[in-house]
Amino acid sequence: MRTFLSLILCAAAAGCAPLTPELDKHFGESVRVMNAQQTLAPEASSNTAVTAMDGRASHEVMTRYAKSFATPTPQPNVFTIGVGSGK
């Protein structure tokens, strides 16, 4: 009877043991590695150099940029694409 009881206690204690200690130790490691591999320049946040343009050039760039939204580019008629003169 004691042998049977000790066998049941050992089985119950084994049920509480972690089944995957090696996997739990490395949980999330693959995601961290993939994020590190996809980062183009990890030291970019430490770059504090400011590149500047002169005032006239930057004003012209912003004016052209704003004008590009004033009139949208006309969309071609989809029915005339690839239609030739028929000669």
PDB file of N, CA and C in Angstrom:
ATOM      1  N   MET A   1       0.818  -1.190   0.000  1.00  0.00           N
ATOM      2  CA  MET A   1       0.000   0.000   0.000  1.00  0.00           C
ATOM      3  C   MET A   1       0.863   1.256   0.000  1.00  0.00           C
ATOM      4  N   ARG A   2       1.944   1.218   0.793  1.00  0.00           N
ATOM      5  CA  ARG A   2       2.830   2.383   0.845  1.00  0.00           C
ATOM      6  C   ARG A   2       3.522   2.598  -0.499  1.00  0.00           C
ATOM      7  N   THR A   3       3.860   1.525  -1.152  1.00  0.00           N
ATOM      8  CA  THR A   3       4.507   1.638  -2.454  1.00  0.00           C
ATOM      9  C   THR A   3       3.560   2.284  -3.465  1.00  0.00           C
ATOM     10  N   PHE A   4       2.302   1.875  -3.417  1.00  0.00           N
ATOM     11  CA  PHE A   4       1.311   2.428  -4.325  1.00  0.00           C
ATOM     12  C   PHE A   4       1.089   3.915  -4.045  1.00  0.00           C
ATOM     13  N   LEU A   5       1.020   4.291  -2.763  1.00  0.00           N
ATOM     14  CA  LEU A   5       0.818   5.682  -2.377  1.00  0.00           C
ATOM     15  C   LEU A   5       2.015   6.543  -2.770  1.00  0.00           C
ATOM     16  N   SER A   6       3.225   6.015  -2.573  1.00  0.00           N
ATOM     17  CA  SER A   6       4.415   6.776  -2.971  1.00  0.00           C
ATOM     18  C   SER A   6       4.502   6.908  -4.487  1.00  0.00           C
ATOM     19  N   LEU A   7       4.042   5.902  -5.207  1.00  0.00           N
ATOM     20  CA  LEU A   7       4.017   5.965  -6.668  1.00  0.00           C
ATOM     21  C   LEU A   7       3.046   7.051  -7.139  1.00  0.00           C
ATOM     22  N   ILE A   8       1.905   7.165  -6.514  1.00  0.00           N
ATOM     23  CA  ILE A   8       0.921   8.191  -6.864  1.00  0.00           C
ATOM     24  C   ILE A   8       1.471   9.580  -6.527  1.00  0.00           C
ATOM     25  N   LEU A   9       2.130   9.737  -5.387  1.00  0.00           N
ATOM     26  CA  LEU A   9       2.715  11.032  -5.018  1.00  0.00           C
ATOM     27  C   LEU A   9       3.815  11.439  -5.989  1.00  0.00           C
ATOM     28  N   CYS A  10       4.623  10.488  -6.414  1.00  0.00           N
ATOM     29  CA  CYS A  10       5.680  10.794  -7.397  1.00  0.00           C
ATOM     30  C   CYS A  10       5.076  11.206  -8.732  1.00  0.00           C
ATOM     31  N   ALA A  11       4.009  10.560  -9.139  1.00  0.00           N
ATOM     32  CA  ALA A  11       3.352  10.906 -10.403  1.00  0.00           C
ATOM     33  C   ALA A  11       2.727  12.294 -10.312  1.00  0.00           C
ATOM     34  N   ALA A  12       2.145  12.615  -9.162  1.00  0.00           N
ATOM     35  CA  ALA A  12       1.545  13.936  -8.987  1.00  0.00           C
ATOM     36  C   ALA A  12       2.618  15.020  -8.967  1.00  0.00           C
ATOM     37  N   ALA A  13       3.744  14.732  -8.339  1.00  0.00           N
ATOM     38  CA  ALA A  13       4.833  15.709  -8.303  1.00  0.00           C
ATOM     39  C   ALA A  13       5.436  15.899  -9.689  1.00  0.00           C
ATOM     40  N   ALA A  14       5.487  14.858 -10.478  1.00  0.00           N
ATOM     41  CA  ALA A  14       6.018  14.969 -11.836  1.00  0.00           C
ATOM     42  C   ALA A  14       5.086  15.782 -12.718  1.00  0.00           C
ATOM     43  N   GLY A  15       3.794  15.767 -12.418  1.00  0.00           N
ATOM     44  CA  GLY A  15       2.834  16.554 -13.187  1.00  0.00           C
ATOM     45  C   GLY A  15       3.005  18.043 -12.981  1.00  0.00           C
ATOM     46  N   CYS A  16       3.604  18.455 -11.880  1.00  0.00           N
ATOM     47  CA  CYS A  16       3.817  19.870 -11.607  1.00  0.00           C
ATOM     48  C   CYS A  16       5.114  20.397 -12.203  1.00  0.00           C
ATOM     49  N   ALA A  17       5.966  19.510 -12.646  1.00  0.00           N
ATOM     50  CA  ALA A  17       7.257  19.917 -13.198  1.00  0.00           C
ATOM     51  C   ALA A  17       7.044  20.533 -14.582  1.00  0.00           C
ATOM     52  N   PRO A  18       7.821  21.551 -14.941  1.00  0.00           N
ATOM     53  CA  PRO A  18       7.683  22.133 -16.287  1.00  0.00           C
ATOM     54  C   PRO A  18       8.116  21.131 -17.346  1.00  0.00           C
ATOM     55  N   LEU A  19       7.339  21.055 -18.404  1.00  0.00           N
ATOM     56  CA  LEU A  19       7.618  20.079 -19.450  1.00  0.00           C
ATOM     57  C   LEU A  19       8.620  20.583 -20.480  1.00  0.00           C
ATOM     58  N   THR A  20       8.692  21.887 -20.660  1.00  0.00           N
ATOM     59  CA  THR A  20       9.565  22.440 -21.691  1.00  0.00           C
ATOM     60  C   THR A  20      10.479  23.518 -21.123  1.00  0.00           C
ATOM     61  N   PRO A  21      11.385  23.182 -20.235  1.00  0.00           N
ATOM     62  CA  PRO A  21      12.236  24.241 -19.669  1.00  0.00           C
ATOM     63  C   PRO A  21      13.175  24.857 -20.702  1.00  0.00           C
ATOM     64  N   GLU A  22      13.611  24.070 -21.684  1.00  0.00           N
ATOM     65  CA  GLU A  22      14.530  24.597 -22.694  1.00  0.00           C
ATOM     66  C   GLU A  22      13.803  25.557 -23.633  1.00  0.00           C
ATOM     67  N   LEU A  23      12.565  25.238 -23.985  1.00  0.00           N
ATOM     68  CA  LEU A  23      11.797  26.125 -24.853  1.00  0.00           C
ATOM     69  C   LEU A  23      11.403  27.406 -24.127  1.00  0.00           C
ATOM     70  N   ASP A  24      11.049  27.287 -22.860  1.00  0.00           N
ATOM     71  CA  ASP A  24      10.676  28.467 -22.094  1.00  0.00           C
ATOM     72  C   ASP A  24      11.852  29.419 -21.921  1.00  0.00           C
ATOM     73  N   LYS A  25      13.050  28.876 -21.861  1.00  0.00           N
ATOM     74  CA  LYS A  25      14.232  29.710 -21.691  1.00  0.00           C
ATOM     75  C   LYS A  25      14.460  30.601 -22.918  1.00  0.00           C
ATOM     76  N   HIS A  26      14.105  30.105 -24.106  1.00  0.00           N
ATOM     77  CA  HIS A  26      14.348  30.841 -25.348  1.00  0.00           C
ATOM     78  C   HIS A  26      13.074  31.452 -25.921  1.00  0.00           C
ATOM     79  N   PHE A  27      12.023  31.586 -25.106  1.00  0.00           N
ATOM     80  CA  PHE A  27      10.753  32.120 -25.586  1.00  0.00           C
ATOM     81  C   PHE A  27      10.914  33.569 -26.043  1.00  0.00           C
ATOM     82  N   GLY A  28      10.503  33.873 -27.272  1.00  0.00           N
ATOM     83  CA  GLY A  28      10.563  35.219 -27.815  1.00  0.00           C
ATOM     84  C   GLY A  28      11.890  35.584 -28.447  1.00  0.00           C
ATOM     85  N   GLU A  29      12.853  34.684 -28.390  1.00  0.00           N
ATOM     86  CA  GLU A  29      14.178  34.989 -28.931  1.00  0.00           C
ATOM     87  C   GLU A  29      14.138  35.158 -30.445  1.00  0.00           C
ATOM     88  N   SER A  30      13.349  34.341 -31.128  1.00  0.00           N
ATOM     89  CA  SER A  30      13.283  34.434 -32.593  1.00  0.00           C
ATOM     90  C   SER A  30      12.694  35.769 -33.036  1.00  0.00           C
ATOM     91  N   VAL A  31      11.732  36.287 -32.284  1.00  0.00           N
ATOM     92  CA  VAL A  31      11.135  37.574 -32.637  1.00  0.00           C
ATOM     93  C   VAL A  31      12.151  38.694 -32.451  1.00  0.00           C
ATOM     94  N   ARG A  32      12.909  38.646 -31.370  1.00  0.00           N
ATOM     95  CA  ARG A  32      13.936  39.668 -31.146  1.00  0.00           C
ATOM     96  C   ARG A  32      15.010  39.613 -32.228  1.00  0.00           C
ATOM     97  N   VAL A  33      15.391  38.418 -32.649  1.00  0.00           N
ATOM     98  CA  VAL A  33      16.401  38.280 -33.703  1.00  0.00           C
ATOM     99  C   VAL A  33      15.867  38.825 -35.026  1.00  0.00           C
ATOM    100  N   MET A  34      14.605  38.512 -35.365  1.00  0.00           N
ATOM    101  CA  MET A  34      14.031  39.010 -36.615  1.00  0.00           C
ATOM    102  C   MET A  34      13.913  40.531 -36.607  1.00  0.00           C
ATOM    103  N   ASN A  35      13.545  41.124 -35.487  1.00  0.00           N
ATOM    104  CA  ASN A  35      13.489  42.591 -35.408  1.00  0.00           C
ATOM    105  C   ASN A  35      14.866  43.198 -35.595  1.00  0.00           C
ATOM    106  N   ALA A  36      15.875  42.589 -35.000  1.00  0.00           N
ATOM    107  CA  ALA A  36      17.231  43.111 -35.145  1.00  0.00           C
ATOM    108  C   ALA A  36      17.719  42.987 -36.588  1.00  0.00           C
ATOM    109  N   GLN A  37      17.340  41.910 -37.262  1.00  0.00           N
ATOM    110  CA  GLN A  37      17.779  41.713 -38.641  1.00  0.00           C
ATOM    111  C   GLN A  37      17.067  42.658 -39.603  1.00  0.00           C
ATOM    112  N   GLN A  38      15.873  43.111 -39.263  1.00  0.00           N
ATOM    113  CA  GLN A  38      15.122  43.984 -40.152  1.00  0.00           C
ATOM    114  C   GLN A  38      15.410  45.460 -39.913  1.00  0.00           C
ATOM    115  N   THR A  39      16.183  45.778 -38.906  1.00  0.00           N
ATOM    116  CA  THR A  39      16.525  47.168 -38.633  1.00  0.00           C
ATOM    117  C   THR A  39      17.645  47.586 -39.573  1.00  0.00           C
ATOM    118  N   LEU A  40      17.408  48.621 -40.350  1.00  0.00           N
ATOM    119  CA  LEU A  40      18.381  49.045 -41.351  1.00  0.00           C
ATOM    120  C   LEU A  40      19.609  49.671 -40.709  1.00  0.00           C
ATOM    121  N   ALA A  41      19.400  50.616 -39.815  1.00  0.00           N
ATOM    122  CA  ALA A  41      20.521  51.290 -39.163  1.00  0.00           C
ATOM    123  C   ALA A  41      20.201  51.425 -37.675  1.00  0.00           C
ATOM    124  N   PRO A  42      20.663  50.502 -36.841  1.00  0.00           N
ATOM    125  CA  PRO A  42      20.338  50.573 -35.420  1.00  0.00           C
ATOM    126  C   PRO A  42      20.923  51.797 -34.725  1.00  0.00           C
ATOM    127  N   GLU A  43      21.962  52.381 -35.267  1.00  0.00           N
ATOM    128  CA  GLU A  43      22.585  53.545 -34.634  1.00  0.00           C
ATOM    129  C   GLU A  43      21.986  54.858 -35.138  1.00  0.00           C
ATOM    130  N   ALA A  44      20.893  54.803 -35.882  1.00  0.00           N
ATOM    131  CA  ALA A  44      20.316  56.007 -36.477  1.00  0.00           C
ATOM    132  C   ALA A  44      19.782  56.979 -35.431  1.00  0.00           C
ATOM    133  N   SER A  45      19.320  56.481 -34.305  1.00  0.00           N
ATOM    134  CA  SER A  45      18.765  57.388 -33.296  1.00  0.00           C
ATOM    135  C   SER A  45      19.845  58.240 -32.640  1.00  0.00           C
ATOM    136  N   SER A  46      21.091  57.814 -32.714  1.00  0.00           N
ATOM    137  CA  SER A  46      22.162  58.602 -32.106  1.00  0.00           C
ATOM    138  C   SER A  46      22.708  59.671 -33.061  1.00  0.00           C
ATOM    139  N   ASN A  47      22.233  59.698 -34.283  1.00  0.00           N
ATOM    140  CA  ASN A  47      22.683  60.680 -35.266  1.00  0.00           C
ATOM    141  C   ASN A  47      21.924  61.983 -35.033  1.00  0.00           C
ATOM    142  N   THR A  48      22.603  63.000 -34.552  1.00  0.00           N
ATOM    143  CA  THR A  48      21.944  64.275 -34.268  1.00  0.00           C
ATOM    144  C   THR A  48      22.325  65.364 -35.263  1.00  0.00           C
ATOM    145  N   ALA A  49      23.051  65.017 -36.311  1.00  0.00           N
ATOM    146  CA  ALA A  49      23.447  66.008 -37.311  1.00  0.00           C
ATOM    147  C   ALA A  49      22.228  66.446 -38.115  1.00  0.00           C
ATOM    148  N   VAL A  50      22.088  67.724 -38.320  1.00  0.00           N
ATOM    149  CA  VAL A  50      20.954  68.264 -39.064  1.00  0.00           C
ATOM    150  C   VAL A  50      21.465  68.731 -40.422  1.00  0.00           C
ATOM    151  N   THR A  51      20.873  68.190 -41.482  1.00  0.00           N
ATOM    152  CA  THR A  51      21.225  68.657 -42.821  1.00  0.00           C
ATOM    153  C   THR A  51      20.224  69.740 -43.202  1.00  0.00           C
ATOM    154  N   ALA A  52      20.692  70.814 -43.778  1.00  0.00           N
ATOM    155  CA  ALA A  52      19.824  71.953 -44.056  1.00  0.00           C
ATOM    156  C   ALA A  52      19.960  72.395 -45.505  1.00  0.00           C
ATOM    157  N   MET A  53      18.920  73.068 -45.970  1.00  0.00           N
ATOM    158  CA  MET A  53      18.927  73.691 -47.291  1.00  0.00           C
ATOM    159  C   MET A  53      18.849  75.192 -47.068  1.00  0.00           C
ATOM    160  N   ASP A  54      19.216  75.943 -48.097  1.00  0.00           N
ATOM    161  CA  ASP A  54      19.053  77.387 -47.961  1.00  0.00           C
ATOM    162  C   ASP A  54      17.563  77.732 -48.065  1.00  0.00           C
ATOM    163  N   GLY A  55      17.205  78.899 -47.604  1.00  0.00           N
ATOM    164  CA  GLY A  55      15.804  79.286 -47.503  1.00  0.00           C
ATOM    165  C   GLY A  55      15.075  79.334 -48.825  1.00  0.00           C
ATOM    166  N   ARG A  56      15.711  79.875 -49.849  1.00  0.00           N
ATOM    167  CA  ARG A  56      15.064  80.019 -51.154  1.00  0.00           C
ATOM    168  C   ARG A  56      14.764  78.640 -51.762  1.00  0.00           C
ATOM    169  N   ALA A  57      15.724  77.723 -51.674  1.00  0.00           N
ATOM    170  CA  ALA A  57      15.521  76.397 -52.254  1.00  0.00           C
ATOM    171  C   ALA A  57      14.431  75.626 -51.506  1.00  0.00           C
ATOM    172  N   SER A  58      14.441  75.690 -50.184  1.00  0.00           N
ATOM    173  CA  SER A  58      13.423  74.959 -49.426  1.00  0.00           C
ATOM    174  C   SER A  58      12.038  75.566 -49.644  1.00  0.00           C
ATOM    175  N   HIS A  59      11.942  76.885 -49.804  1.00  0.00           N
ATOM    176  CA  HIS A  59      10.658  77.515 -50.089  1.00  0.00           C
ATOM    177  C   HIS A  59      10.135  77.064 -51.439  1.00  0.00           C
ATOM    178  N   GLU A  60      10.996  76.983 -52.429  1.00  0.00           N
ATOM    179  CA  GLU A  60      10.585  76.536 -53.765  1.00  0.00           C
ATOM    180  C   GLU A  60      10.124  75.077 -53.742  1.00  0.00           C
ATOM    181  N   VAL A  61      10.818  74.256 -52.991  1.00  0.00           N
ATOM    182  CA  VAL A  61      10.428  72.847 -52.891  1.00  0.00           C
ATOM    183  C   VAL A  61       9.042  72.731 -52.266  1.00  0.00           C
ATOM    184  N   MET A  62       8.804  73.450 -51.197  1.00  0.00           N
ATOM    185  CA  MET A  62       7.505  73.362 -50.526  1.00  0.00           C
ATOM    186  C   MET A  62       6.382  73.954 -51.382  1.00  0.00           C
ATOM    187  N   THR A  63       6.692  74.975 -52.159  1.00  0.00           N
ATOM    188  CA  THR A  63       5.684  75.558 -53.045  1.00  0.00           C
ATOM    189  C   THR A  63       5.291  74.560 -54.129  1.00  0.00           C
ATOM    190  N   ARG A  64       6.272  73.908 -54.733  1.00  0.00           N
ATOM    191  CA  ARG A  64       5.976  72.896 -55.758  1.00  0.00           C
ATOM    192  C   ARG A  64       5.228  71.717 -55.158  1.00  0.00           C
ATOM    193  N   TYR A  65       5.580  71.356 -53.949  1.00  0.00           N
ATOM    194  CA  TYR A  65       4.895  70.244 -53.279  1.00  0.00           C
ATOM    195  C   TYR A  65       3.429  70.593 -53.035  1.00  0.00           C
ATOM    196  N   ALA A  66       3.150  71.793 -52.568  1.00  0.00           N
ATOM    197  CA  ALA A  66       1.772  72.209 -52.318  1.00  0.00           C
ATOM    198  C   ALA A  66       0.983  72.302 -53.613  1.00  0.00           C
ATOM    199  N   LYS A  67       1.621  72.791 -54.699  1.00  0.00           N
ATOM    200  CA  LYS A  67       0.947  72.892 -55.990  1.00  0.00           C
ATOM    201  C   LYS A  67       0.606  71.527 -56.568  1.00  0.00           C
ATOM    202  N   SER A  68       1.367  70.508 -56.212  1.00  0.00           N
ATOM    203  CA  SER A  68       1.099  69.177 -56.750  1.00  0.00           C
ATOM    204  C   SER A  68      -0.244  68.637 -56.258  1.00  0.00           C
ATOM    205  N   PHE A  69      -0.767  69.160 -55.154  1.00  0.00           N
ATOM    206  CA  PHE A  69      -2.058  68.720 -54.646  1.00  0.00           C
ATOM    207  C   PHE A  69      -3.199  69.613 -55.127  1.00  0.00           C
ATOM    208  N   ALA A  70      -2.896  70.769 -55.725  1.00  0.00           N
ATOM    209  CA  ALA A  70      -3.935  71.689 -56.167  1.00  0.00           C
ATOM    210  C   ALA A  70      -4.713  71.117 -57.343  1.00  0.00           C
ATOM    211  N   THR A  71      -4.023  70.586 -58.323  1.00  0.00           N
ATOM    212  CA  THR A  71      -4.683  69.976 -59.474  1.00  0.00           C
ATOM    213  C   THR A  71      -4.201  68.536 -59.589  1.00  0.00           C
ATOM    214  N   PRO A  72      -5.100  67.588 -59.420  1.00  0.00           N
ATOM    215  CA  PRO A  72      -4.678  66.189 -59.524  1.00  0.00           C
ATOM    216  C   PRO A  72      -4.298  65.832 -60.959  1.00  0.00           C
ATOM    217  N   THR A  73      -3.427  64.894 -61.104  1.00  0.00           N
ATOM    218  CA  THR A  73      -3.015  64.465 -62.440  1.00  0.00           C
ATOM    219  C   THR A  73      -4.187  63.763 -63.112  1.00  0.00           C
ATOM    220  N   PRO A  74      -4.444  64.063 -64.372  1.00  0.00           N
ATOM    221  CA  PRO A  74      -5.583  63.439 -65.052  1.00  0.00           C
ATOM    222  C   PRO A  74      -5.328  61.944 -65.272  1.00  0.00           C
ATOM    223  N   GLN A  75      -6.363  61.175 -65.007  1.00  0.00           N
ATOM    224  CA  GLN A  75      -6.262  59.731 -65.195  1.00  0.00           C
ATOM    225  C   GLN A  75      -6.572  59.395 -66.650  1.00  0.00           C
ATOM    226  N   PRO A  76      -5.787  58.523 -67.250  1.00  0.00           N
ATOM    227  CA  PRO A  76      -6.056  58.156 -68.647  1.00  0.00           C
ATOM    228  C   PRO A  76      -7.341  57.327 -68.745  1.00  0.00           C
ATOM    229  N   ASN A  77      -7.980  57.432 -69.886  1.00  0.00           N
ATOM    230  CA  ASN A  77      -9.184  56.646 -70.125  1.00  0.00           C
ATOM    231  C   ASN A  77      -8.769  55.195 -70.325  1.00  0.00           C
ATOM    232  N   VAL A  78      -9.313  54.298 -69.541  1.00  0.00           N
ATOM    233  CA  VAL A  78      -8.880  52.906 -69.597  1.00  0.00           C
ATOM    234  C   VAL A  78      -9.303  52.217 -70.881  1.00  0.00           C
ATOM    235  N   PHE A  79     -10.283  52.767 -71.579  1.00  0.00           N
ATOM    236  CA  PHE A  79     -10.742  52.122 -72.801  1.00  0.00           C
ATOM    237  C   PHE A  79      -9.845  52.450 -73.990  1.00  0.00           C
ATOM    238  N   THR A  80      -9.014  53.468 -73.898  1.00  0.00           N
ATOM    239  CA  THR A  80      -8.176  53.834 -75.037  1.00  0.00           C
ATOM    240  C   THR A  80      -6.767  53.310 -74.912  1.00  0.00           C
ATOM    241  N   ILE A  81      -6.468  52.618 -73.834  1.00  0.00           N
ATOM    242  CA  ILE A  81      -5.096  52.108 -73.670  1.00  0.00           C
ATOM    243  C   ILE A  81      -4.901  50.948 -74.641  1.00  0.00           C
ATOM    244  N   GLY A  82      -3.879  51.024 -75.437  1.00  0.00           N
ATOM    245  CA  GLY A  82      -3.537  49.964 -76.372  1.00  0.00           C
ATOM    246  C   GLY A  82      -4.320  49.995 -77.668  1.00  0.00           C
ATOM    247  N   VAL A  83      -5.164  50.982 -77.862  1.00  0.00           N
ATOM    248  CA  VAL A  83      -5.944  51.067 -79.099  1.00  0.00           C
ATOM    249  C   VAL A  83      -5.162  51.926 -80.077  1.00  0.00           C
ATOM    250  N   GLY A  84      -4.822  51.371 -81.191  1.00  0.00           N
ATOM    251  CA  GLY A  84      -4.048  52.107 -82.186  1.00  0.00           C
ATOM    252  C   GLY A  84      -4.944  52.740 -83.241  1.00  0.00           C
ATOM    253  N   SER A  85      -4.307  53.229 -84.283  1.00  0.00           N
ATOM    254  CA  SER A  85      -5.063  53.886 -85.358  1.00  0.00           C
ATOM    255  C   SER A  85      -5.722  52.868 -86.283  1.00  0.00           C
ATOM    256  N   GLY A  86      -5.312  51.619 -86.191  1.00  0.00           N
ATOM    257  CA  GLY A  86      -5.946  50.583 -86.998  1.00  0.00           C
ATOM    258  C   GLY A  86      -5.399  50.474 -88.402  1.00  0.00           C
ATOM    259  N   LYS A  87      -4.297  51.082 -88.719  1.00  0.00           N
ATOM    260  CA  LYS A  87      -3.745  51.037 -90.082  1.00  0.00           C
ATOM    261  C   LYS A  87      -2.929  49.816 -90.287  1.00  0.00           C
TER     262      LYS A  87
END
